[in-house]
Each structure stands twice: as structure tokens, then as C-alpha cells.
Amino acid sequence: MEYARLRGLVFDVAKQLLERGPGWAQQRAVLEEVVNQVPGARKDDRIQQKILTCWHDLFRLGQLSWGYNIDNPDAPFYHIPEQNAQREVIR
């Protein structure tokens, strides 16, 4: 899968899980769901590393931020900054 499409998938999964609440708005839940959706990812470290790169790039680009709320302010919890909540991920 090409990088831009994969990064979009990671963002979409993060957004969907975030809507379920803090129990789902966690790094492990997002990464597991993406691995389940990408064919061959479960057994291919290179694909998994591409997924991890996409995940980290979403934070680097400001599309995601660490922490869910003051009670869960750090990783593995995350949120979508308000300015990005209504727009799509930069692809």
C-alpha cells in the first residue's frame, strides 16, 4: 500500500476509535486495527514499520496530539486537535 493511502487509513482508524472514548483512543488499539485491515501486515515487519511511520508522522504533522484529557494527558492516549477535527488528513 502506498504511503499516503496508508497514512490516511491510520488517521481514519484513529478518528473512528476516538469517537468510542478514551478506552479506545489509545495507540495500541489503533495500530492493532490497522494491522488487521492491511493484508499481510500481521507477518511482515516492513509493513508494520510503515504503519508505525505513518502513526508517528500524524503526530509530527500536528494531525494528532498526545493525551485524551487532563486525567490521561500522555501516550498512549491521543486526540485530534480541534483545528483538524473537521478536515481530512493531509495525504
N, C-alpha and C. Protein backbone atom coordinates (compact mmCIF):
# COMPACT_ATOMS: atom_id res chain seq x y z
N MET A 1 0.85 -1.17 0.00
CA MET A 1 0.00 0.00 0.00
C MET A 1 0.90 1.23 0.00
N GLU A 2 0.54 2.21 -0.80
CA GLU A 2 1.36 3.42 -0.86
C GLU A 2 1.23 4.22 0.44
N TYR A 3 2.27 4.99 0.73
CA TYR A 3 2.39 5.70 2.00
C TYR A 3 1.19 6.62 2.27
N ALA A 4 0.82 7.46 1.32
CA ALA A 4 -0.26 8.43 1.56
C ALA A 4 -1.57 7.73 1.88
N ARG A 5 -1.85 6.66 1.18
CA ARG A 5 -3.08 5.90 1.42
C ARG A 5 -3.04 5.23 2.80
N LEU A 6 -1.88 4.70 3.14
CA LEU A 6 -1.72 4.05 4.44
C LEU A 6 -1.87 5.07 5.57
N ARG A 7 -1.26 6.23 5.42
CA ARG A 7 -1.38 7.28 6.45
C ARG A 7 -2.83 7.71 6.60
N GLY A 8 -3.55 7.80 5.48
CA GLY A 8 -4.97 8.13 5.55
C GLY A 8 -5.76 7.08 6.31
N LEU A 9 -5.44 5.81 6.08
CA LEU A 9 -6.10 4.72 6.79
C LEU A 9 -5.83 4.82 8.29
N VAL A 10 -4.58 5.06 8.65
CA VAL A 10 -4.23 5.17 10.08
C VAL A 10 -5.02 6.31 10.72
N PHE A 11 -5.10 7.45 10.05
CA PHE A 11 -5.86 8.58 10.59
C PHE A 11 -7.34 8.23 10.71
N ASP A 12 -7.90 7.61 9.68
CA ASP A 12 -9.33 7.24 9.71
C ASP A 12 -9.63 6.29 10.86
N VAL A 13 -8.77 5.31 11.07
CA VAL A 13 -8.96 4.37 12.18
C VAL A 13 -8.85 5.11 13.51
N ALA A 14 -7.86 5.99 13.64
CA ALA A 14 -7.70 6.76 14.88
C ALA A 14 -8.95 7.60 15.16
N LYS A 15 -9.49 8.21 14.13
CA LYS A 15 -10.68 9.04 14.30
C LYS A 15 -11.88 8.19 14.71
N GLN A 16 -12.06 7.04 14.08
CA GLN A 16 -13.18 6.16 14.41
C GLN A 16 -13.09 5.66 15.85
N LEU A 17 -11.90 5.26 16.27
CA LEU A 17 -11.74 4.75 17.64
C LEU A 17 -11.87 5.86 18.67
N LEU A 18 -11.43 7.06 18.33
CA LEU A 18 -11.55 8.20 19.23
C LEU A 18 -13.02 8.48 19.56
N GLU A 19 -13.88 8.28 18.59
CA GLU A 19 -15.31 8.52 18.81
C GLU A 19 -15.90 7.56 19.84
N ARG A 20 -15.25 6.44 20.09
CA ARG A 20 -15.72 5.47 21.09
C ARG A 20 -15.34 5.85 22.51
N GLY A 21 -14.38 6.76 22.68
CA GLY A 21 -13.99 7.20 24.01
C GLY A 21 -12.57 6.83 24.37
N PRO A 22 -12.14 7.23 25.58
CA PRO A 22 -10.74 7.06 25.98
C PRO A 22 -10.26 5.62 26.04
N GLY A 23 -11.13 4.69 26.30
CA GLY A 23 -10.71 3.29 26.32
C GLY A 23 -10.24 2.81 24.96
N TRP A 24 -10.72 3.47 23.91
CA TRP A 24 -10.35 3.11 22.54
C TRP A 24 -9.33 4.07 21.95
N ALA A 25 -9.25 5.28 22.48
CA ALA A 25 -8.35 6.30 21.94
C ALA A 25 -6.94 6.07 22.47
N GLN A 26 -6.40 4.92 22.12
CA GLN A 26 -5.07 4.55 22.57
C GLN A 26 -4.27 3.98 21.40
N GLN A 27 -2.98 4.21 21.48
CA GLN A 27 -2.08 3.79 20.41
C GLN A 27 -2.24 2.32 20.03
N ARG A 28 -2.23 1.44 20.98
CA ARG A 28 -2.30 0.00 20.70
C ARG A 28 -3.56 -0.36 19.93
N ALA A 29 -4.70 0.20 20.32
CA ALA A 29 -5.96 -0.11 19.64
C ALA A 29 -5.91 0.32 18.18
N VAL A 30 -5.36 1.49 17.91
CA VAL A 30 -5.27 1.98 16.53
C VAL A 30 -4.35 1.08 15.72
N LEU A 31 -3.16 0.83 16.23
CA LEU A 31 -2.19 0.04 15.48
C LEU A 31 -2.69 -1.39 15.23
N GLU A 32 -3.34 -1.99 16.20
CA GLU A 32 -3.88 -3.34 16.02
C GLU A 32 -4.96 -3.36 14.94
N GLU A 33 -5.83 -2.36 14.96
CA GLU A 33 -6.91 -2.31 13.97
C GLU A 33 -6.34 -2.09 12.56
N VAL A 34 -5.35 -1.24 12.44
CA VAL A 34 -4.73 -1.02 11.12
C VAL A 34 -4.06 -2.29 10.62
N VAL A 35 -3.32 -2.96 11.48
CA VAL A 35 -2.66 -4.21 11.09
C VAL A 35 -3.70 -5.23 10.61
N ASN A 36 -4.85 -5.26 11.26
CA ASN A 36 -5.90 -6.19 10.86
C ASN A 36 -6.50 -5.82 9.50
N GLN A 37 -6.44 -4.56 9.12
CA GLN A 37 -7.05 -4.12 7.87
C GLN A 37 -6.09 -4.15 6.67
N VAL A 38 -4.79 -4.22 6.93
CA VAL A 38 -3.81 -4.21 5.84
C VAL A 38 -3.38 -5.65 5.55
N PRO A 39 -3.67 -6.12 4.36
CA PRO A 39 -3.31 -7.51 4.01
C PRO A 39 -1.82 -7.78 4.18
N GLY A 40 -1.51 -8.87 4.88
CA GLY A 40 -0.13 -9.30 5.06
C GLY A 40 0.63 -8.59 6.17
N ALA A 41 0.04 -7.58 6.78
CA ALA A 41 0.76 -6.79 7.78
C ALA A 41 1.10 -7.56 9.04
N ARG A 42 0.27 -8.52 9.40
CA ARG A 42 0.48 -9.25 10.64
C ARG A 42 1.83 -9.98 10.65
N LYS A 43 2.30 -10.42 9.48
CA LYS A 43 3.52 -11.22 9.42
C LYS A 43 4.68 -10.52 8.72
N ASP A 44 4.53 -9.23 8.43
CA ASP A 44 5.57 -8.52 7.67
C ASP A 44 6.05 -7.29 8.45
N ASP A 45 7.26 -7.39 8.99
CA ASP A 45 7.80 -6.28 9.78
C ASP A 45 7.94 -5.00 8.96
N ARG A 46 8.22 -5.11 7.68
CA ARG A 46 8.36 -3.90 6.86
C ARG A 46 7.04 -3.16 6.75
N ILE A 47 5.95 -3.88 6.58
CA ILE A 47 4.63 -3.23 6.53
C ILE A 47 4.31 -2.63 7.90
N GLN A 48 4.61 -3.36 8.95
CA GLN A 48 4.37 -2.84 10.29
C GLN A 48 5.17 -1.57 10.55
N GLN A 49 6.40 -1.52 10.07
CA GLN A 49 7.22 -0.32 10.23
C GLN A 49 6.65 0.85 9.44
N LYS A 50 6.08 0.58 8.27
CA LYS A 50 5.42 1.65 7.50
C LYS A 50 4.21 2.18 8.28
N ILE A 51 3.48 1.29 8.91
CA ILE A 51 2.34 1.71 9.72
C ILE A 51 2.81 2.57 10.89
N LEU A 52 3.87 2.15 11.56
CA LEU A 52 4.42 2.94 12.67
C LEU A 52 4.90 4.30 12.20
N THR A 53 5.52 4.36 11.03
CA THR A 53 5.98 5.63 10.49
C THR A 53 4.79 6.56 10.22
N CYS A 54 3.73 6.01 9.64
CA CYS A 54 2.52 6.80 9.40
C CYS A 54 1.96 7.34 10.71
N TRP A 55 1.90 6.48 11.71
CA TRP A 55 1.38 6.88 13.03
C TRP A 55 2.19 8.04 13.60
N HIS A 56 3.51 7.90 13.59
CA HIS A 56 4.36 8.96 14.13
C HIS A 56 4.28 10.24 13.29
N ASP A 57 4.16 10.09 11.98
CA ASP A 57 4.06 11.27 11.12
C ASP A 57 2.79 12.06 11.39
N LEU A 58 1.70 11.39 11.75
CA LEU A 58 0.47 12.11 12.07
C LEU A 58 0.66 13.03 13.28
N PHE A 59 1.48 12.63 14.22
CA PHE A 59 1.80 13.49 15.37
C PHE A 59 2.77 14.59 14.95
N ARG A 60 3.77 14.22 14.17
CA ARG A 60 4.77 15.18 13.72
C ARG A 60 4.14 16.30 12.90
N LEU A 61 3.14 15.96 12.10
CA LEU A 61 2.45 16.93 11.25
C LEU A 61 1.34 17.69 11.98
N GLY A 62 1.09 17.33 13.24
CA GLY A 62 0.08 18.03 14.03
C GLY A 62 -1.34 17.57 13.77
N GLN A 63 -1.50 16.44 13.10
CA GLN A 63 -2.84 15.93 12.83
C GLN A 63 -3.40 15.19 14.04
N LEU A 64 -2.52 14.66 14.87
CA LEU A 64 -2.89 14.03 16.14
C LEU A 64 -2.00 14.63 17.23
N SER A 65 -2.51 14.63 18.45
CA SER A 65 -1.73 15.08 19.61
C SER A 65 -1.86 14.05 20.72
N TRP A 66 -0.82 13.96 21.54
CA TRP A 66 -0.85 13.01 22.65
C TRP A 66 -1.78 13.50 23.74
N GLY A 67 -2.38 12.55 24.44
CA GLY A 67 -3.27 12.82 25.56
C GLY A 67 -4.72 12.87 25.13
N TYR A 68 -5.58 12.38 26.00
CA TYR A 68 -7.02 12.40 25.74
C TYR A 68 -7.69 13.53 26.52
N ASN A 69 -7.29 13.67 27.77
CA ASN A 69 -7.80 14.74 28.64
C ASN A 69 -6.79 14.92 29.78
N ILE A 70 -7.12 15.74 30.76
CA ILE A 70 -6.19 16.00 31.86
C ILE A 70 -5.92 14.75 32.69
N ASP A 71 -6.90 13.87 32.79
CA ASP A 71 -6.70 12.62 33.53
C ASP A 71 -5.84 11.62 32.75
N ASN A 72 -5.78 11.77 31.44
CA ASN A 72 -4.99 10.90 30.56
C ASN A 72 -4.19 11.79 29.60
N PRO A 73 -3.18 12.50 30.13
CA PRO A 73 -2.53 13.55 29.36
C PRO A 73 -1.40 13.11 28.42
N ASP A 74 -1.02 11.87 28.47
CA ASP A 74 0.14 11.42 27.72
C ASP A 74 -0.19 10.20 26.87
N ALA A 75 0.85 9.72 26.17
CA ALA A 75 0.74 8.47 25.44
C ALA A 75 0.43 7.37 26.45
N PRO A 76 -0.34 6.39 26.08
CA PRO A 76 -0.78 6.01 24.75
C PRO A 76 -2.05 6.70 24.27
N PHE A 77 -2.62 7.58 25.11
CA PHE A 77 -3.86 8.26 24.73
C PHE A 77 -3.55 9.37 23.72
N TYR A 78 -4.53 9.68 22.88
CA TYR A 78 -4.34 10.72 21.86
C TYR A 78 -5.66 11.45 21.63
N HIS A 79 -5.58 12.55 20.92
CA HIS A 79 -6.78 13.27 20.47
C HIS A 79 -6.47 13.94 19.13
N ILE A 80 -7.51 14.38 18.48
CA ILE A 80 -7.35 15.13 17.23
C ILE A 80 -7.49 16.61 17.59
N PRO A 81 -6.46 17.41 17.34
CA PRO A 81 -6.56 18.83 17.65
C PRO A 81 -7.79 19.45 16.97
N GLU A 82 -8.42 20.37 17.66
CA GLU A 82 -9.67 20.96 17.17
C GLU A 82 -9.58 21.46 15.74
N GLN A 83 -8.48 22.06 15.37
CA GLN A 83 -8.34 22.60 14.02
C GLN A 83 -8.31 21.51 12.95
N ASN A 84 -8.08 20.25 13.34
CA ASN A 84 -8.05 19.14 12.39
C ASN A 84 -9.28 18.25 12.46
N ALA A 85 -10.15 18.50 13.42
CA ALA A 85 -11.27 17.59 13.67
C ALA A 85 -12.25 17.51 12.50
N GLN A 86 -12.43 18.60 11.78
CA GLN A 86 -13.42 18.61 10.71
C GLN A 86 -12.82 18.41 9.32
N ARG A 87 -11.52 18.35 9.22
CA ARG A 87 -10.94 18.16 7.90
C ARG A 87 -10.25 16.82 7.79
N GLU A 88 -9.99 16.43 6.58
CA GLU A 88 -9.35 15.15 6.33
C GLU A 88 -7.85 15.27 6.56
N VAL A 89 -7.24 14.13 6.72
CA VAL A 89 -5.78 14.07 6.88
C VAL A 89 -5.11 14.57 5.61
N ILE A 90 -3.99 15.23 5.77
CA ILE A 90 -3.18 15.65 4.63
C ILE A 90 -2.61 14.39 4.00
N ARG A 91 -2.90 14.20 2.76
CA ARG A 91 -2.43 12.98 2.07
C ARG A 91 -1.36 13.29 1.08
